[in-house]
């Protein structure tokens, strides 16, 4: 194909009317053909299938492991030398069974302090609880004292000594502690919702980050390869360039949404099967909003990735011109992991970043219905604006060869 012919094709494609929507085979719109092709090619890609399956397995394994660790009990044996020590261990056992039903404490009565320590050396006991002549207590282990053992014995010892000292003073522990109760409250949301938001925020941020990188780079590399191999010049003779862009963006958006739905479904199924779905009811509504916000946020990023691909002349150029989109992705990641208070409120209205920030706000505080709707409206307007601007740059740059283009140079090319 001569340079003159390619130049004529480029002028014809760049001058096509915005309303052109030619049909392909079977009367299907050109953008739909490209969309289906993107989906089918990616779905048949072995690497994509393997990575999706591996991620699903890791998600399910993570839920199962968390359920196992939550239900896993600990049995502690403590050597004691007195009735007081036996009472402390009994109180620790009572509290342990009341908390999770899986932690137990049992006592081995030793005749002397040395005999108690010998039980520990022989690994018959996890630790020895010994009271000194001055009234102080020591918990002695062989190589270490586990945190669970130390915490359980420490809390029960405080309760035991409080009751003992109160009885000696002719009062009760309740009277001694009267007025010391401290309740926690929040002006917005609740402490329980905050804990859920922290976990969900990490999950939302991680999924958004991975999808944006995987599918965004796929769009950019696809554009670069077609431009580098001049396949785009052949495609451009059959369909308008803008339809090619729309198809690539929509195809990868569909793939990203399907993958997210698979991951979320696998996690919810695993939570229900392991009996750890206590907080799922509060996460599901926010997850639905996350999918909607993710759709608009990813459309923006997909448009930017396509433009970056059209500006590059080879895949290596993407590493140098992808800084703007990476900043947006890391901003969304940071909003999900660290943003709080007024910063989180502001982030929930910023396109792309709102994909993570608004669902998290809806988890940890009361949010009026108009707020996510307004945020979605802003994101949708930004998506249309970026797609429109991206199409203009894409049409200018996609037929250019001979080196990478800057955004300024691309904008100066003839329309």
Protein backbone atom coordinates (compact mmCIF):
# COMPACT_ATOMS: atom_id res chain seq x y z
CA UNK A 1 0.00 0.00 0.00
CA UNK A 2 1.57 3.28 -1.13
CA UNK A 3 2.08 6.30 1.09
CA UNK A 4 -0.33 8.31 -1.07
CA UNK A 5 -3.05 5.67 -0.71
CA UNK A 6 -2.62 5.51 3.06
CA UNK A 7 -2.77 9.30 3.21
CA UNK A 8 -6.03 9.29 1.25
CA UNK A 9 -7.47 6.64 3.55
CA UNK A 10 -6.43 8.62 6.61
CA UNK A 11 -8.07 11.79 5.31
CA UNK A 12 -11.24 9.91 4.43
CA UNK A 13 -11.43 8.29 7.89
CA UNK A 14 -10.67 11.47 9.79
CA UNK A 15 -13.33 13.35 7.83
CA UNK A 16 -16.08 10.77 8.40
CA UNK A 17 -19.24 12.28 9.88
CA UNK A 18 -19.73 11.76 13.63
CA UNK A 19 -23.05 10.05 13.06
CA UNK A 20 -21.69 7.33 10.77
CA UNK A 21 -22.58 3.90 12.04
CA UNK A 22 -21.97 1.39 9.25
CA UNK A 23 -23.07 -2.17 9.63
CA UNK A 24 -20.94 -5.24 9.29
CA UNK A 25 -21.96 -8.78 8.57
CA UNK A 26 -25.57 -9.76 9.28
CA UNK A 27 -26.41 -6.08 9.65
CA UNK A 28 -24.56 -5.81 12.99
CA UNK A 29 -23.07 -2.40 13.89
CA UNK A 30 -19.34 -2.25 13.36
CA UNK A 31 -18.65 -1.40 17.01
CA UNK A 32 -20.60 -4.50 18.10
CA UNK A 33 -18.54 -6.72 15.79
CA UNK A 34 -15.33 -5.35 17.30
CA UNK A 35 -16.74 -5.73 20.83
CA UNK A 36 -17.65 -9.38 20.26
CA UNK A 37 -14.27 -10.03 18.68
CA UNK A 38 -12.45 -8.54 21.69
CA UNK A 39 -14.51 -10.68 24.05
CA UNK A 40 -14.07 -13.91 22.07
CA UNK A 41 -10.33 -13.46 21.53
CA UNK A 42 -9.73 -12.74 25.21
CA UNK A 43 -12.04 -15.54 26.36
CA UNK A 44 -10.11 -18.04 24.23
CA UNK A 45 -6.75 -16.79 25.46
CA UNK A 46 -5.19 -19.51 27.59
CA UNK A 47 -3.23 -17.13 29.79
CA UNK A 48 -6.34 -15.09 30.59
CA UNK A 49 -8.34 -18.22 31.43
CA UNK A 50 -5.58 -19.60 33.65
CA UNK A 51 -5.11 -16.31 35.52
CA UNK A 52 -8.86 -16.02 36.08
CA UNK A 53 -9.12 -19.57 37.42
CA UNK A 54 -6.07 -19.12 39.65
CA UNK A 55 -7.50 -15.89 41.07
CA UNK A 56 -10.85 -17.59 41.75
CA UNK A 57 -9.06 -20.42 43.55
CA UNK A 58 -7.03 -17.95 45.63
CA UNK A 59 -10.18 -16.03 46.61
CA UNK A 60 -12.00 -19.18 47.71
CA UNK A 61 -8.88 -20.48 49.47
CA UNK A 62 -8.51 -17.17 51.30
CA UNK A 63 -12.09 -17.29 52.56
CA UNK A 64 -11.76 -20.93 53.62
CA UNK A 65 -8.45 -20.27 55.38
CA UNK A 66 -9.92 -17.29 57.22
CA UNK A 67 -12.88 -19.41 58.30
CA UNK A 68 -10.53 -22.17 59.48
CA UNK A 69 -8.38 -19.77 61.48
CA UNK A 70 -11.48 -18.17 63.02
CA UNK A 71 -12.86 -21.52 64.14
CA UNK A 72 -9.53 -23.01 65.14
CA UNK A 73 -9.33 -23.46 68.87
CA UNK A 74 -6.36 -23.25 71.21
CA UNK A 75 -5.85 -25.42 74.26
CA UNK A 76 -3.52 -24.08 76.93
CA UNK A 77 -2.15 -25.99 79.91
CA UNK A 78 -0.82 -23.99 82.85
CA UNK A 79 1.14 -25.36 85.80
CA UNK A 80 0.10 -23.76 89.09
CA UNK A 81 1.18 -24.11 92.72
CA UNK A 82 -1.76 -22.63 94.62
CA UNK A 83 -5.53 -22.43 94.78
CA UNK A 84 -5.31 -18.78 93.70
CA UNK A 85 -3.50 -19.84 90.53
CA UNK A 86 -6.10 -22.53 89.92
CA UNK A 87 -8.87 -19.93 90.27
CA UNK A 88 -7.15 -17.66 87.74
CA UNK A 89 -6.84 -20.49 85.22
CA UNK A 90 -10.46 -21.52 85.77
CA UNK A 91 -11.59 -17.94 85.19
CA UNK A 92 -9.51 -17.76 81.99
CA UNK A 93 -11.10 -20.98 80.77
CA UNK A 94 -14.57 -19.61 81.45
CA UNK A 95 -13.84 -16.42 79.55
CA UNK A 96 -12.21 -18.29 76.66
CA UNK A 97 -15.21 -20.55 76.17
CA UNK A 98 -17.55 -17.58 76.39
CA UNK A 99 -15.65 -15.55 73.77
CA UNK A 100 -15.31 -18.01 70.90
CA UNK A 101 -16.05 -21.42 72.38
CA UNK A 102 -12.78 -22.80 71.08
CA UNK A 103 -10.16 -21.59 73.54
CA UNK A 104 -9.64 -23.62 76.70
CA UNK A 105 -7.35 -23.35 79.72
CA UNK A 106 -6.53 -26.27 82.01
CA UNK A 107 -4.41 -26.41 85.16
CA UNK A 108 -1.77 -28.86 86.33
CA UNK A 109 -1.24 -28.67 90.07
CA UNK A 110 2.43 -28.85 91.08
CA UNK A 111 3.72 -29.30 94.61
CA UNK A 112 6.35 -26.57 94.36
CA UNK A 113 7.61 -23.78 92.17
CA UNK A 114 10.43 -25.97 90.87
CA UNK A 115 7.98 -28.78 90.08
CA UNK A 116 5.84 -26.34 88.12
CA UNK A 117 8.86 -25.19 86.11
CA UNK A 118 9.81 -28.81 85.48
CA UNK A 119 6.37 -29.38 83.94
CA UNK A 120 7.17 -26.58 81.51
CA UNK A 121 10.65 -27.98 80.72
CA UNK A 122 9.10 -31.38 80.00
CA UNK A 123 6.52 -29.63 77.78
CA UNK A 124 3.70 -31.02 79.85
CA UNK A 125 2.54 -27.44 80.42
CA UNK A 126 2.67 -24.41 78.13
CA UNK A 127 3.60 -22.12 81.02
CA UNK A 128 3.80 -21.95 84.81
CA UNK A 129 1.80 -19.36 86.75
CA UNK A 130 3.65 -18.67 90.00
CA UNK A 131 2.91 -16.16 92.75
CA UNK A 132 5.96 -14.76 94.57
CA UNK A 133 6.32 -14.04 98.25
CA UNK A 134 5.74 -10.32 97.59
CA UNK A 135 2.40 -11.04 95.91
CA UNK A 136 3.63 -10.56 92.34
CA UNK A 137 2.71 -13.05 89.62
CA UNK A 138 4.96 -14.55 86.93
CA UNK A 139 3.95 -16.49 83.82
CA UNK A 140 6.94 -18.55 82.71
CA UNK A 141 7.18 -20.38 79.38
CA UNK A 142 9.88 -22.61 77.94
CA UNK A 143 10.91 -20.70 74.82
CA UNK A 144 8.06 -18.21 74.57
CA UNK A 145 4.64 -17.40 75.95
CA UNK A 146 2.03 -17.22 73.22
CA UNK A 147 -0.02 -14.06 72.91
CA UNK A 148 -3.28 -15.91 73.41
CA UNK A 149 -2.03 -17.48 76.63
CA UNK A 150 -0.62 -14.21 77.96
CA UNK A 151 -3.78 -12.26 77.11
CA UNK A 152 -6.15 -14.82 78.58
CA UNK A 153 -4.25 -15.32 81.84
CA UNK A 154 -3.53 -11.59 82.15
CA UNK A 155 -7.19 -10.58 81.83
CA UNK A 156 -8.41 -13.28 84.21
CA UNK A 157 -5.69 -12.38 86.74
CA UNK A 158 -6.83 -8.76 86.75
CA UNK A 159 -10.44 -9.84 87.28
CA UNK A 160 -9.46 -12.26 90.05
CA UNK A 161 -7.31 -9.76 91.94
CA UNK A 162 -9.97 -7.06 91.57
CA UNK A 163 -12.53 -9.33 93.17
CA UNK A 164 -10.11 -10.46 95.89
CA UNK A 165 -9.02 -6.94 96.81
CA UNK A 166 -12.58 -5.68 96.73
CA UNK A 167 -13.66 -8.42 99.13
CA UNK A 168 -10.76 -7.54 101.45
CA UNK A 169 -11.89 -3.90 101.43
CA UNK A 170 -15.48 -4.85 102.19
CA UNK A 171 -16.84 -3.80 98.82
CA UNK A 172 -17.43 -5.32 95.39
CA UNK A 173 -15.71 -5.07 91.99
CA UNK A 174 -18.82 -3.37 90.58
CA UNK A 175 -18.67 -0.63 93.20
CA UNK A 176 -14.95 -0.12 92.65
CA UNK A 177 -15.49 0.25 88.91
CA UNK A 178 -18.61 2.38 89.15
CA UNK A 179 -18.45 5.30 86.74
CA UNK A 180 -15.54 3.90 84.73
CA UNK A 181 -17.62 2.57 81.84
CA UNK A 182 -16.58 4.06 78.51
CA UNK A 183 -18.92 3.83 75.55
CA UNK A 184 -17.88 4.53 72.00
CA UNK A 185 -20.02 6.41 69.51
CA UNK A 186 -19.58 8.04 66.12
CA UNK A 187 -21.28 11.10 64.69
CA UNK A 188 -21.59 9.25 61.40
CA UNK A 189 -21.83 5.49 60.91
CA UNK A 190 -20.79 2.90 63.48
CA UNK A 191 -17.66 1.12 64.61
CA UNK A 192 -18.93 -2.18 63.17
CA UNK A 193 -19.58 -0.57 59.77
CA UNK A 194 -16.12 0.97 59.87
CA UNK A 195 -14.54 -2.46 60.29
CA UNK A 196 -16.59 -3.79 57.37
CA UNK A 197 -15.63 -0.75 55.28
CA UNK A 198 -11.93 -1.36 55.95
CA UNK A 199 -12.13 -4.94 54.66
CA UNK A 200 -14.40 -4.10 51.74
CA UNK A 201 -12.29 -1.06 50.89
CA UNK A 202 -9.21 -3.22 50.51
CA UNK A 203 -11.13 -5.70 48.33
CA UNK A 204 -12.70 -2.99 46.14
CA UNK A 205 -9.39 -1.16 45.72
CA UNK A 206 -7.46 -4.31 44.87
CA UNK A 207 -10.04 -5.50 42.31
CA UNK A 208 -10.22 -2.07 40.68
CA UNK A 209 -6.43 -1.84 40.53
CA UNK A 210 -6.00 -5.30 39.01
CA UNK A 211 -8.79 -4.91 36.45
CA UNK A 212 -7.59 -1.46 35.40
CA UNK A 213 -4.04 -2.65 34.86
CA UNK A 214 -4.84 -5.99 33.19
CA UNK A 215 -7.56 -4.86 30.81
CA UNK A 216 -6.23 -1.35 30.33
CA UNK A 217 -2.84 -2.64 29.22
CA UNK A 218 -4.61 -5.16 26.99
CA UNK A 219 -6.39 -2.31 25.18
CA UNK A 220 -3.20 -0.27 24.80
CA UNK A 221 -1.13 -3.24 23.59
CA UNK A 222 -3.83 -4.26 21.13
CA UNK A 223 -3.87 -0.75 19.63
CA UNK A 224 -0.08 -0.60 19.46
CA UNK A 225 0.21 -4.01 17.79
CA UNK A 226 -2.42 -3.17 15.19
CA UNK A 227 -0.69 0.14 14.51
CA UNK A 228 2.81 -1.40 14.43
CA UNK A 229 1.77 -4.22 12.08
CA UNK A 230 -0.39 -1.84 10.01
CA UNK A 231 -3.38 -4.08 10.57
CA UNK A 232 -5.31 -0.95 11.51
CA UNK A 233 -4.94 0.29 7.93
CA UNK A 234 -6.74 -2.83 6.71
CA UNK A 235 -9.40 -2.58 9.41
CA UNK A 236 -9.88 1.09 8.61
CA UNK A 237 -10.93 0.23 5.05
CA UNK A 238 -13.84 -1.81 6.43
CA UNK A 239 -15.05 0.14 9.46
CA UNK A 240 -14.70 3.70 10.75
CA UNK A 241 -11.86 4.22 13.18
CA UNK A 242 -14.18 5.53 15.89
CA UNK A 243 -16.15 2.29 15.73
CA UNK A 244 -12.91 0.39 16.24
CA UNK A 245 -12.20 2.44 19.36
CA UNK A 246 -15.71 2.00 20.75
CA UNK A 247 -15.56 -1.76 20.19
CA UNK A 248 -12.22 -2.13 21.97
CA UNK A 249 -13.34 -0.07 24.95
CA UNK A 250 -16.71 -1.82 25.31
CA UNK A 251 -15.30 -5.31 24.74
CA UNK A 252 -12.71 -5.01 27.49
CA UNK A 253 -15.23 -3.30 29.78
CA UNK A 254 -17.56 -6.27 29.40
CA UNK A 255 -14.71 -8.66 30.17
CA UNK A 256 -13.71 -6.67 33.26
CA UNK A 257 -17.30 -6.59 34.56
CA UNK A 258 -17.76 -10.33 34.00
CA UNK A 259 -14.50 -11.09 35.77
CA UNK A 260 -15.44 -8.90 38.74
CA UNK A 261 -18.82 -10.60 38.96
CA UNK A 262 -17.12 -14.00 38.96
CA UNK A 263 -14.75 -12.99 41.74
CA UNK A 264 -17.53 -11.48 43.84
CA UNK A 265 -19.78 -14.50 43.32
CA UNK A 266 -17.01 -16.92 44.27
CA UNK A 267 -16.27 -14.95 47.45
CA UNK A 268 -19.93 -14.79 48.48
CA UNK A 269 -20.43 -18.51 47.79
CA UNK A 270 -17.37 -19.41 49.83
CA UNK A 271 -18.52 -17.17 52.70
CA UNK A 272 -21.91 -18.86 52.78
CA UNK A 273 -20.51 -22.38 52.56
CA UNK A 274 -18.06 -21.75 55.40
CA UNK A 275 -20.69 -20.10 57.60
CA UNK A 276 -18.78 -16.81 57.82
CA UNK A 277 -21.30 -14.67 55.94
CA UNK A 278 -22.44 -12.66 58.98
CA UNK A 279 -21.63 -9.30 57.40
CA UNK A 280 -22.45 -10.17 53.78
CA UNK A 281 -25.85 -8.52 54.04
CA UNK A 282 -24.25 -5.11 54.61
CA UNK A 283 -21.61 -5.60 51.90
CA UNK A 284 -23.88 -6.71 49.05
CA UNK A 285 -25.60 -3.32 48.48
CA UNK A 286 -22.25 -1.51 48.42
CA UNK A 287 -20.88 -4.19 46.08
CA UNK A 288 -23.70 -3.48 43.65
CA UNK A 289 -22.87 0.22 43.71
CA UNK A 290 -19.20 -0.66 43.25
CA UNK A 291 -19.99 -2.52 40.02
CA UNK A 292 -21.90 0.47 38.68
CA UNK A 293 -19.18 2.95 39.65
CA UNK A 294 -16.54 0.58 38.32
CA UNK A 295 -18.30 0.56 34.93
CA UNK A 296 -18.07 4.32 34.51
CA UNK A 297 -14.59 4.56 35.99
CA UNK A 298 -13.27 1.83 33.74
CA UNK A 299 -14.80 3.47 30.65
CA UNK A 300 -12.74 6.56 31.43
CA UNK A 301 -9.55 4.57 31.96
CA UNK A 302 -10.18 2.41 28.87
CA UNK A 303 -10.48 5.53 26.71
CA UNK A 304 -7.21 6.86 28.12
CA UNK A 305 -5.44 3.52 27.58
CA UNK A 306 -6.65 3.42 23.95
CA UNK A 307 -5.32 6.95 23.36
CA UNK A 308 -1.97 6.02 24.93
CA UNK A 309 -1.80 3.03 22.60
CA UNK A 310 -2.48 5.21 19.55
CA UNK A 311 0.26 7.66 20.59
CA UNK A 312 2.85 4.87 20.95
CA UNK A 313 4.72 3.30 18.07
CA UNK A 314 5.79 0.16 19.95
CA UNK A 315 4.83 -1.56 23.23
CA UNK A 316 7.93 -0.19 24.97
CA UNK A 317 6.60 3.36 24.56
CA UNK A 318 3.68 2.60 26.88
CA UNK A 319 5.92 2.50 29.94
CA UNK A 320 6.93 6.13 29.38
CA UNK A 321 3.57 7.67 28.50
CA UNK A 322 1.29 5.78 30.91
CA UNK A 323 2.05 8.00 33.93
CA UNK A 324 -1.26 9.96 33.87
CA UNK A 325 -3.46 6.86 33.90
CA UNK A 326 -1.30 5.18 36.53
CA UNK A 327 -1.71 8.24 38.76
CA UNK A 328 -5.50 7.89 38.50
CA UNK A 329 -5.35 4.17 39.29
CA UNK A 330 -3.10 4.67 42.31
CA UNK A 331 -5.32 7.54 43.49
CA UNK A 332 -8.29 5.17 43.47
CA UNK A 333 -6.23 2.56 45.30
CA UNK A 334 -5.14 5.10 47.90
CA UNK A 335 -8.70 6.33 48.40
CA UNK A 336 -9.83 2.81 49.19
CA UNK A 337 -7.00 2.10 51.58
CA UNK A 338 -6.28 5.38 53.35
CA UNK A 339 -8.85 8.12 52.66
CA UNK A 340 -11.20 9.08 55.49
CA UNK A 341 -13.26 11.99 56.70
CA UNK A 342 -13.58 15.00 54.42
CA UNK A 343 -10.92 13.65 52.07
CA UNK A 344 -13.05 10.57 51.44
CA UNK A 345 -16.09 12.77 50.79
CA UNK A 346 -14.20 14.82 48.19
CA UNK A 347 -12.76 11.66 46.62
CA UNK A 348 -16.25 10.16 46.29
CA UNK A 349 -17.12 12.82 43.69
CA UNK A 350 -13.91 12.59 41.65
CA UNK A 351 -14.30 10.48 38.48
CA UNK A 352 -12.36 7.18 38.58
CA UNK A 353 -11.45 7.67 42.25
CA UNK A 354 -15.17 7.66 43.10
CA UNK A 355 -15.34 4.07 41.81
CA UNK A 356 -13.84 3.01 45.12
CA UNK A 357 -14.43 5.99 47.41
CA UNK A 358 -18.24 6.26 47.14
CA UNK A 359 -19.00 2.56 47.86
CA UNK A 360 -16.74 2.78 50.92
CA UNK A 361 -18.56 5.91 52.13
CA UNK A 362 -21.85 4.06 51.74
CA UNK A 363 -20.52 1.28 53.95
CA UNK A 364 -19.21 3.28 56.88
CA UNK A 365 -21.68 6.17 57.05
CA UNK A 366 -25.17 7.29 56.14
CA UNK A 367 -25.19 8.65 52.59
CA UNK A 368 -28.24 10.29 51.03
CA UNK A 369 -29.43 8.68 47.80
CA UNK A 370 -28.76 11.83 45.77
CA UNK A 371 -25.03 11.68 46.59
CA UNK A 372 -24.15 8.45 44.74
CA UNK A 373 -26.51 9.47 41.93
CA UNK A 374 -24.75 12.84 41.60
CA UNK A 375 -21.37 11.13 41.72
CA UNK A 376 -22.48 8.71 39.02
CA UNK A 377 -23.68 11.63 36.91
CA UNK A 378 -20.28 13.31 37.21
CA UNK A 379 -18.52 10.05 36.35
CA UNK A 380 -20.82 9.45 33.37
CA UNK A 381 -20.25 12.98 32.05
CA UNK A 382 -16.51 12.51 32.46
CA UNK A 383 -16.68 9.14 30.67
CA UNK A 384 -18.50 10.64 27.68
CA UNK A 385 -16.14 13.63 27.59
CA UNK A 386 -13.03 11.45 27.77
CA UNK A 387 -14.41 9.03 25.18
CA UNK A 388 -15.22 11.90 22.83
CA UNK A 389 -11.82 13.54 23.33
CA UNK A 390 -10.11 10.16 23.12
CA UNK A 391 -11.83 9.45 19.82
CA UNK A 392 -10.53 12.72 18.36
CA UNK A 393 -6.96 11.97 19.41
CA UNK A 394 -7.29 8.32 18.41
CA UNK A 395 -8.41 9.21 14.87
CA UNK A 396 -5.53 11.66 14.50
CA UNK A 397 -2.79 9.40 15.89
CA UNK A 398 -3.72 5.85 14.92
CA UNK A 399 -2.60 6.17 11.29
CA UNK A 400 0.68 7.90 12.17
CA UNK A 401 3.89 5.88 12.11
CA UNK A 402 7.59 6.54 12.48
CA UNK A 403 7.80 7.17 16.20
CA UNK A 404 5.86 7.89 19.36
CA UNK A 405 3.68 10.98 19.45
CA UNK A 406 3.15 13.39 22.30
CA UNK A 407 -0.36 14.52 23.12
CA UNK A 408 0.48 18.03 21.91
CA UNK A 409 1.74 16.74 18.56
CA UNK A 410 -1.31 14.53 18.15
CA UNK A 411 -3.64 17.47 18.74
CA UNK A 412 -1.85 19.48 16.06
CA UNK A 413 -2.37 16.81 13.41
CA UNK A 414 -4.94 17.55 10.72
CA UNK A 415 -8.49 16.58 11.57
